[in-house]
Amino acid sequence: MFAAVRTAVAAPWTWSRAAIAMHPTVSGKRSMSTRVGWIGTGVMGASMAKHVASAGFDLSVYARSPEKPAVVDLVEATGARVFDSPAELASSVDVLCSIVGFPDDVHAVLLDDVDGALGKAVTNPPSLVIDLTTSQPALALKIAAAAQAQGSDALDAPVSGGDVGARNGQLSIMVGGSDAAFAAGLPILQPMAKVVTHMGGPGAGQHTKMVNQIAIAGGMIGMVEGLVYGHAAGLDLETVLEAISGGAAGSWSLSNYAPRMLKRDFAPGFYVEHFVKDLGIALDEARAMNLSLPGLALVQQLYLALIAQGGAARGTHALQLALESMNNIQIKDYSA
């Protein structure tokens, strides 16, 4: 089974325009002429779109608030054209990419009959739709069916790596869809990624992202509890991180989030409210498979407590605040 999973690893590299031109994309076109439409210019999306444009693709965008600084910066940096609706954008591109917040947002930008990129108003459907949002596996199947009905193809391709991975083009991308769709989409996905893995048919990318989120949830609570314990024991937490990061406790979250936590920098690399959405999807899918995942359920409850404390728009590492509140402590600010 594992031999069937294909992974494209992009070690730190820079694509040359000549190399890009050698990669076939949808409809037999070369990537230099492939028109890519982009929906979603948030904490991660704007950076990801810049990598696609930097790789030589012709970028166009739709944004609900085109006046926002992130959108203005993206347009200025890439020369992207701005369209007034997902349907207008989809009618003008070869490949349509989306990365939005919630399943309802995915449905609105892709499946809405009037304005959706796969809706009835699209006059010339894109050959490939790539949804990079973390969403429901069942919704990925609906998108694949809607694309097929228009003679197009679709990939569900959720990403992991947060704002740092998005900025540095070092994301892990988990892809569901047909072999042909994966081959067509790979040249567009690779400039954003360290690893791009084809997991199977439609929905398989979303299921894999649920595995990722379950693992992150358990690691996050362990990291936060460890810092709370170290603080209560009177240890210097910067020295603690140096001591444990090179051993078995080392992880991406420990290296990237723990230093922010010690400086009480809880700005989002990934929003708490979006993570709670992901954990809810994972719990729903687990329930449908008759699985008991008590650790996941506990972490979701702790994040819901953080939202109740006003933390919905903070980064996921702000879970520290919920544990501090429960224990009536505050870890000192190591940036002071």
Protein backbone atom coordinates (compact mmCIF):
# COMPACT_ATOMS: atom_id res chain seq x y z
CA MET A 1 0.00 0.00 0.00
CA PHE A 2 2.72 2.42 0.97
CA ALA A 3 4.57 1.93 -2.30
CA ALA A 4 1.61 3.45 -4.10
CA VAL A 5 1.98 6.76 -2.28
CA ARG A 6 4.11 9.11 -4.36
CA THR A 7 6.01 11.93 -2.74
CA ALA A 8 7.74 14.81 -4.47
CA VAL A 9 10.34 16.34 -2.16
CA ALA A 10 11.52 19.86 -2.87
CA ALA A 11 14.72 20.44 -0.93
CA PRO A 12 15.74 24.11 -0.73
CA TRP A 13 15.97 25.11 -4.38
CA THR A 14 15.11 27.86 -6.81
CA TRP A 15 13.28 27.06 -10.01
CA SER A 16 14.75 28.61 -13.14
CA ARG A 17 12.37 29.84 -15.81
CA ALA A 18 13.88 27.33 -18.22
CA ALA A 19 13.18 24.48 -15.80
CA ILE A 20 9.62 25.63 -15.25
CA ALA A 21 8.97 25.75 -18.98
CA MET A 22 9.86 22.06 -19.26
CA HIS A 23 7.02 20.97 -16.95
CA PRO A 24 3.76 20.13 -18.71
CA THR A 25 0.59 21.27 -17.01
CA VAL A 26 -3.11 21.03 -17.73
CA SER A 27 -4.37 20.81 -21.30
CA GLY A 28 -0.85 20.15 -22.58
CA LYS A 29 0.21 23.73 -21.86
CA ARG A 30 3.55 24.75 -20.40
CA SER A 31 3.64 26.37 -16.99
CA MET A 32 5.02 29.62 -18.41
CA SER A 33 1.68 30.18 -20.13
CA THR A 34 -0.61 28.57 -17.56
CA ARG A 35 -3.04 31.05 -16.01
CA VAL A 36 -3.56 30.41 -12.30
CA GLY A 37 -6.47 31.94 -10.39
CA TRP A 38 -6.12 32.37 -6.64
CA ILE A 39 -8.83 32.72 -3.98
CA GLY A 40 -7.72 33.33 -0.39
CA THR A 41 -5.14 35.92 0.65
CA GLY A 42 -4.97 35.45 4.40
CA VAL A 43 -2.08 34.66 6.75
CA MET A 44 -0.86 31.83 4.53
CA GLY A 45 -2.61 32.31 1.19
CA ALA A 46 -0.90 35.53 0.11
CA SER A 47 2.56 34.05 0.64
CA MET A 48 1.63 30.88 -1.21
CA ALA A 49 0.28 32.85 -4.17
CA LYS A 50 3.54 34.83 -4.35
CA HIS A 51 5.51 31.59 -4.66
CA VAL A 52 3.29 30.46 -7.52
CA ALA A 53 3.77 33.77 -9.32
CA SER A 54 7.52 33.72 -8.66
CA ALA A 55 7.68 30.32 -10.34
CA GLY A 56 6.53 31.96 -13.58
CA PHE A 57 2.80 31.34 -13.58
CA ASP A 58 0.38 34.05 -14.74
CA LEU A 59 -1.50 34.94 -11.54
CA SER A 60 -4.98 36.41 -11.10
CA VAL A 61 -6.86 36.77 -7.82
CA TYR A 62 -10.26 37.20 -6.25
CA ALA A 63 -10.51 38.69 -2.75
CA ARG A 64 -13.61 39.74 -0.83
CA SER A 65 -11.71 42.82 0.41
CA PRO A 66 -9.27 43.82 -2.36
CA GLU A 67 -8.35 46.97 -0.44
CA LYS A 68 -6.71 44.99 2.38
CA PRO A 69 -2.94 45.54 2.67
CA ALA A 70 -2.15 41.85 2.05
CA VAL A 71 -4.08 41.91 -1.24
CA VAL A 72 -2.59 45.23 -2.34
CA ASP A 73 0.89 43.93 -1.56
CA LEU A 74 0.25 40.70 -3.47
CA VAL A 75 -0.97 42.59 -6.54
CA GLU A 76 1.95 45.01 -6.43
CA ALA A 77 4.49 42.21 -5.96
CA THR A 78 3.17 39.92 -8.68
CA GLY A 79 1.26 42.09 -11.14
CA ALA A 80 -1.79 39.90 -10.56
CA ARG A 81 -5.12 40.92 -12.05
CA VAL A 82 -8.06 41.25 -9.66
CA PHE A 83 -11.49 39.83 -10.51
CA ASP A 84 -14.84 40.70 -8.97
CA SER A 85 -16.14 37.18 -8.31
CA PRO A 86 -14.90 33.58 -8.16
CA ALA A 87 -16.99 32.81 -11.26
CA GLU A 88 -15.36 35.59 -13.30
CA LEU A 89 -11.93 34.49 -12.12
CA ALA A 90 -12.60 30.83 -12.94
CA SER A 91 -13.78 31.74 -16.44
CA SER A 92 -10.42 33.36 -17.16
CA VAL A 93 -7.86 30.85 -15.88
CA ASP A 94 -6.56 27.35 -16.58
CA VAL A 95 -6.14 26.34 -12.93
CA LEU A 96 -8.10 27.67 -9.95
CA CYS A 97 -6.60 27.48 -6.42
CA SER A 98 -8.46 28.26 -3.20
CA ILE A 99 -7.45 28.48 0.44
CA VAL A 100 -10.17 29.96 2.64
CA GLY A 101 -11.28 29.55 6.24
CA PHE A 102 -14.23 27.21 6.75
CA PRO A 103 -16.19 24.60 4.78
CA ASP A 104 -19.00 27.12 4.24
CA ASP A 105 -16.44 29.47 2.66
CA VAL A 106 -15.21 26.67 0.40
CA HIS A 107 -18.77 25.95 -0.69
CA ALA A 108 -19.40 29.65 -1.36
CA VAL A 109 -16.33 30.27 -3.51
CA LEU A 110 -16.42 26.98 -5.40
CA LEU A 111 -19.95 25.54 -5.47
CA ASP A 112 -22.31 28.53 -5.23
CA ASP A 113 -24.61 28.43 -8.27
CA VAL A 114 -24.30 32.15 -8.97
CA ASP A 115 -20.77 33.19 -8.03
CA GLY A 116 -18.89 29.93 -7.42
CA ALA A 117 -15.87 28.91 -9.45
CA LEU A 118 -17.69 25.70 -10.36
CA GLY A 119 -21.12 27.32 -10.58
CA LYS A 120 -23.48 27.87 -13.49
CA ALA A 121 -22.13 31.36 -14.24
CA VAL A 122 -18.71 30.05 -15.27
CA THR A 123 -18.49 30.34 -19.04
CA ASN A 124 -15.15 28.60 -19.54
CA PRO A 125 -14.36 26.27 -16.61
CA PRO A 126 -10.74 25.82 -15.52
CA SER A 127 -9.21 22.47 -16.35
CA LEU A 128 -8.19 21.92 -12.74
CA VAL A 129 -9.45 23.14 -9.36
CA ILE A 130 -7.12 22.79 -6.36
CA ASP A 131 -8.63 23.42 -2.94
CA LEU A 132 -5.86 23.94 -0.38
CA THR A 133 -8.25 24.63 2.51
CA THR A 134 -8.42 22.18 5.38
CA SER A 135 -12.00 21.05 5.01
CA GLN A 136 -14.36 18.08 5.12
CA PRO A 137 -13.54 14.95 3.11
CA ALA A 138 -17.19 14.76 2.02
CA LEU A 139 -16.95 18.30 0.63
CA ALA A 140 -13.85 17.30 -1.33
CA LEU A 141 -15.92 14.56 -2.96
CA LYS A 142 -18.64 17.10 -3.89
CA ILE A 143 -16.05 19.41 -5.43
CA ALA A 144 -14.54 16.53 -7.43
CA ALA A 145 -17.99 15.57 -8.72
CA ALA A 146 -18.85 19.18 -9.64
CA ALA A 147 -15.57 19.56 -11.50
CA GLN A 148 -16.10 16.29 -13.36
CA ALA A 149 -19.58 17.43 -14.41
CA GLN A 150 -17.94 20.42 -16.11
CA GLY A 151 -15.27 18.31 -17.79
CA SER A 152 -12.66 19.47 -15.29
CA ASP A 153 -10.69 17.76 -12.52
CA ALA A 154 -10.08 18.59 -8.86
CA LEU A 155 -7.57 18.07 -6.08
CA ASP A 156 -8.07 18.42 -2.36
CA ALA A 157 -4.64 19.58 -1.21
CA PRO A 158 -4.61 20.83 2.41
CA VAL A 159 -1.31 22.17 3.68
CA SER A 160 0.70 22.10 6.90
CA GLY A 161 3.52 24.38 8.00
CA GLY A 162 1.81 27.56 9.18
CA ASP A 163 2.80 31.08 8.27
CA VAL A 164 6.52 30.25 8.41
CA GLY A 165 6.17 27.36 5.96
CA ALA A 166 4.01 29.47 3.67
CA ARG A 167 6.49 32.37 3.61
CA ASN A 168 9.47 30.11 3.02
CA GLY A 169 7.85 27.82 0.46
CA GLN A 170 8.36 24.89 2.83
CA LEU A 171 4.85 23.55 3.31
CA SER A 172 3.82 19.91 3.42
CA ILE A 173 0.93 19.38 0.99
CA MET A 174 -1.31 16.30 1.24
CA VAL A 175 -3.16 15.64 -2.00
CA GLY A 176 -6.28 13.69 -2.91
CA GLY A 177 -7.42 13.22 -6.50
CA SER A 178 -6.78 11.21 -9.62
CA ASP A 179 -3.30 10.38 -10.89
CA ALA A 180 -3.84 12.65 -13.89
CA ALA A 181 -4.99 15.57 -11.76
CA PHE A 182 -2.01 15.14 -9.42
CA ALA A 183 0.42 15.14 -12.33
CA ALA A 184 -1.20 18.28 -13.73
CA GLY A 185 -1.21 20.12 -10.41
CA LEU A 186 2.25 19.16 -9.18
CA PRO A 187 4.19 21.95 -10.96
CA ILE A 188 1.89 24.51 -9.30
CA LEU A 189 2.12 22.92 -5.85
CA GLN A 190 5.87 22.38 -5.75
CA PRO A 191 6.95 26.05 -5.55
CA MET A 192 5.02 26.33 -2.26
CA ALA A 193 6.25 23.14 -0.71
CA LYS A 194 8.97 21.09 0.87
CA VAL A 195 6.96 17.90 0.37
CA VAL A 196 3.99 17.16 -1.90
CA THR A 197 2.42 13.74 -1.36
CA HIS A 198 -0.32 12.05 -3.38
CA MET A 199 -2.41 10.18 -0.81
CA GLY A 200 -5.08 8.63 -3.05
CA GLY A 201 -8.39 9.57 -4.61
CA PRO A 202 -10.67 12.54 -3.80
CA GLY A 203 -10.94 13.16 -0.07
CA ALA A 204 -7.70 11.37 0.81
CA GLY A 205 -5.83 14.65 1.19
CA GLN A 206 -8.38 15.90 3.71
CA HIS A 207 -8.29 12.66 5.69
CA THR A 208 -4.49 12.89 5.84
CA LYS A 209 -4.71 16.47 7.10
CA MET A 210 -6.96 15.24 9.90
CA VAL A 211 -4.18 12.84 10.93
CA ASN A 212 -1.82 15.82 10.89
CA GLN A 213 -4.12 17.96 13.05
CA ILE A 214 -4.71 15.18 15.56
CA ALA A 215 -0.95 14.76 15.97
CA ILE A 216 -0.42 18.53 16.29
CA ALA A 217 -3.16 18.80 18.91
CA GLY A 218 -1.53 16.18 21.12
CA GLY A 219 1.90 17.74 20.66
CA MET A 220 0.64 21.23 21.46
CA ILE A 221 -0.92 20.30 24.77
CA GLY A 222 2.21 18.38 25.74
CA MET A 223 4.42 21.35 24.89
CA VAL A 224 2.26 23.82 26.81
CA GLU A 225 1.98 21.59 29.87
CA GLY A 226 5.75 21.11 29.83
CA LEU A 227 6.35 24.87 29.84
CA VAL A 228 3.83 25.37 32.64
CA TYR A 229 5.56 22.65 34.66
CA GLY A 230 9.01 24.12 34.02
CA HIS A 231 7.82 27.57 35.07
CA ALA A 232 6.32 26.22 38.30
CA ALA A 233 9.56 24.37 39.04
CA GLY A 234 11.51 27.62 38.76
CA LEU A 235 13.49 26.67 35.67
CA ASP A 236 14.79 29.08 33.04
CA LEU A 237 12.56 28.09 30.12
CA GLU A 238 14.91 29.29 27.38
CA THR A 239 17.55 26.94 28.78
CA VAL A 240 14.92 24.20 29.05
CA LEU A 241 14.16 24.55 25.33
CA GLU A 242 17.85 24.29 24.49
CA ALA A 243 18.08 21.13 26.59
CA ILE A 244 15.07 19.29 25.19
CA SER A 245 14.84 20.45 21.57
CA GLY A 246 17.69 18.22 20.42
CA GLY A 247 16.27 15.11 22.07
CA ALA A 248 13.17 12.99 21.74
CA ALA A 249 10.92 15.93 22.68
CA GLY A 250 12.08 17.95 19.70
CA SER A 251 9.44 18.86 17.12
CA TRP A 252 8.49 21.49 14.55
CA SER A 253 6.13 23.10 17.05
CA LEU A 254 8.77 23.17 19.77
CA SER A 255 11.26 24.86 17.43
CA ASN A 256 8.85 27.34 15.86
CA TYR A 257 6.15 28.07 18.43
CA ALA A 258 7.79 27.67 21.83
CA PRO A 259 10.19 30.63 21.31
CA ARG A 260 7.18 32.81 20.40
CA MET A 261 5.35 31.60 23.47
CA LEU A 262 8.23 32.59 25.76
CA LYS A 263 8.10 36.08 24.26
CA ARG A 264 4.31 36.10 24.72
CA ASP A 265 3.90 36.58 20.99
CA PHE A 266 0.59 34.90 20.21
CA ALA A 267 0.07 36.37 16.74
CA PRO A 268 -1.44 33.77 14.43
CA GLY A 269 0.58 31.50 12.24
CA PHE A 270 -2.68 29.55 12.21
CA TYR A 271 -5.84 30.86 13.85
CA VAL A 272 -7.31 29.17 16.93
CA GLU A 273 -10.82 29.36 15.43
CA HIS A 274 -9.63 27.55 12.31
CA PHE A 275 -7.88 24.88 14.37
CA VAL A 276 -11.04 24.29 16.40
CA LYS A 277 -12.88 23.87 13.09
CA ASP A 278 -10.31 21.24 12.05
CA LEU A 279 -10.56 19.38 15.36
CA GLY A 280 -14.35 19.35 15.00
CA ILE A 281 -14.06 17.82 11.53
CA ALA A 282 -11.65 15.19 12.86
CA LEU A 283 -14.00 14.32 15.73
CA ASP A 284 -16.96 14.07 13.34
CA GLU A 285 -15.01 11.75 11.03
CA ALA A 286 -13.83 9.67 13.99
CA ARG A 287 -17.41 9.35 15.22
CA ALA A 288 -18.50 8.17 11.78
CA MET A 289 -15.81 5.48 11.93
CA ASN A 290 -16.76 4.49 15.51
CA LEU A 291 -13.40 5.64 16.84
CA SER A 292 -12.74 6.91 20.36
CA LEU A 293 -10.10 9.67 20.40
CA PRO A 294 -10.23 11.03 23.97
CA GLY A 295 -7.03 13.08 23.67
CA LEU A 296 -8.39 14.93 20.66
CA ALA A 297 -11.69 15.62 22.45
CA LEU A 298 -9.85 17.02 25.48
CA VAL A 299 -7.66 19.34 23.42
CA GLN A 300 -10.70 20.63 21.51
CA GLN A 301 -12.36 21.51 24.83
CA LEU A 302 -9.26 23.40 25.97
CA TYR A 303 -9.24 25.38 22.73
CA LEU A 304 -12.94 26.13 23.14
CA ALA A 305 -12.07 27.52 26.58
CA LEU A 306 -9.43 29.71 24.94
CA ILE A 307 -12.04 31.02 22.48
CA ALA A 308 -14.31 31.80 25.43
CA GLN A 309 -11.44 33.87 26.84
CA GLY A 310 -11.31 35.91 23.62
CA GLY A 311 -8.56 33.95 21.88
CA ALA A 312 -10.28 32.96 18.61
CA ALA A 313 -8.03 35.16 16.43
CA ARG A 314 -4.79 34.25 18.20
CA GLY A 315 -2.34 31.62 17.02
CA THR A 316 -2.75 27.99 18.06
CA HIS A 317 0.22 28.29 20.42
CA ALA A 318 -1.93 30.66 22.53
CA LEU A 319 -3.20 27.49 24.19
CA GLN A 320 -0.63 28.52 26.79
CA LEU A 321 -3.05 31.23 27.94
CA ALA A 322 -5.79 28.70 28.70
CA LEU A 323 -3.43 26.56 30.79
CA GLU A 324 -2.08 29.62 32.58
CA SER A 325 -5.63 30.63 33.48
CA MET A 326 -6.46 27.14 34.77
CA ASN A 327 -3.37 27.16 36.99
CA ASN A 328 -3.55 30.84 38.03
CA ILE A 329 -0.01 31.54 36.81
CA GLN A 330 1.65 33.57 34.08
CA ILE A 331 4.88 32.49 32.44
CA LYS A 332 7.27 35.42 32.40
CA ASP A 333 7.99 37.39 29.23
CA TYR A 334 11.46 36.33 28.06
CA SER A 335 11.64 39.20 25.58
CA ALA A 336 11.65 41.76 28.42
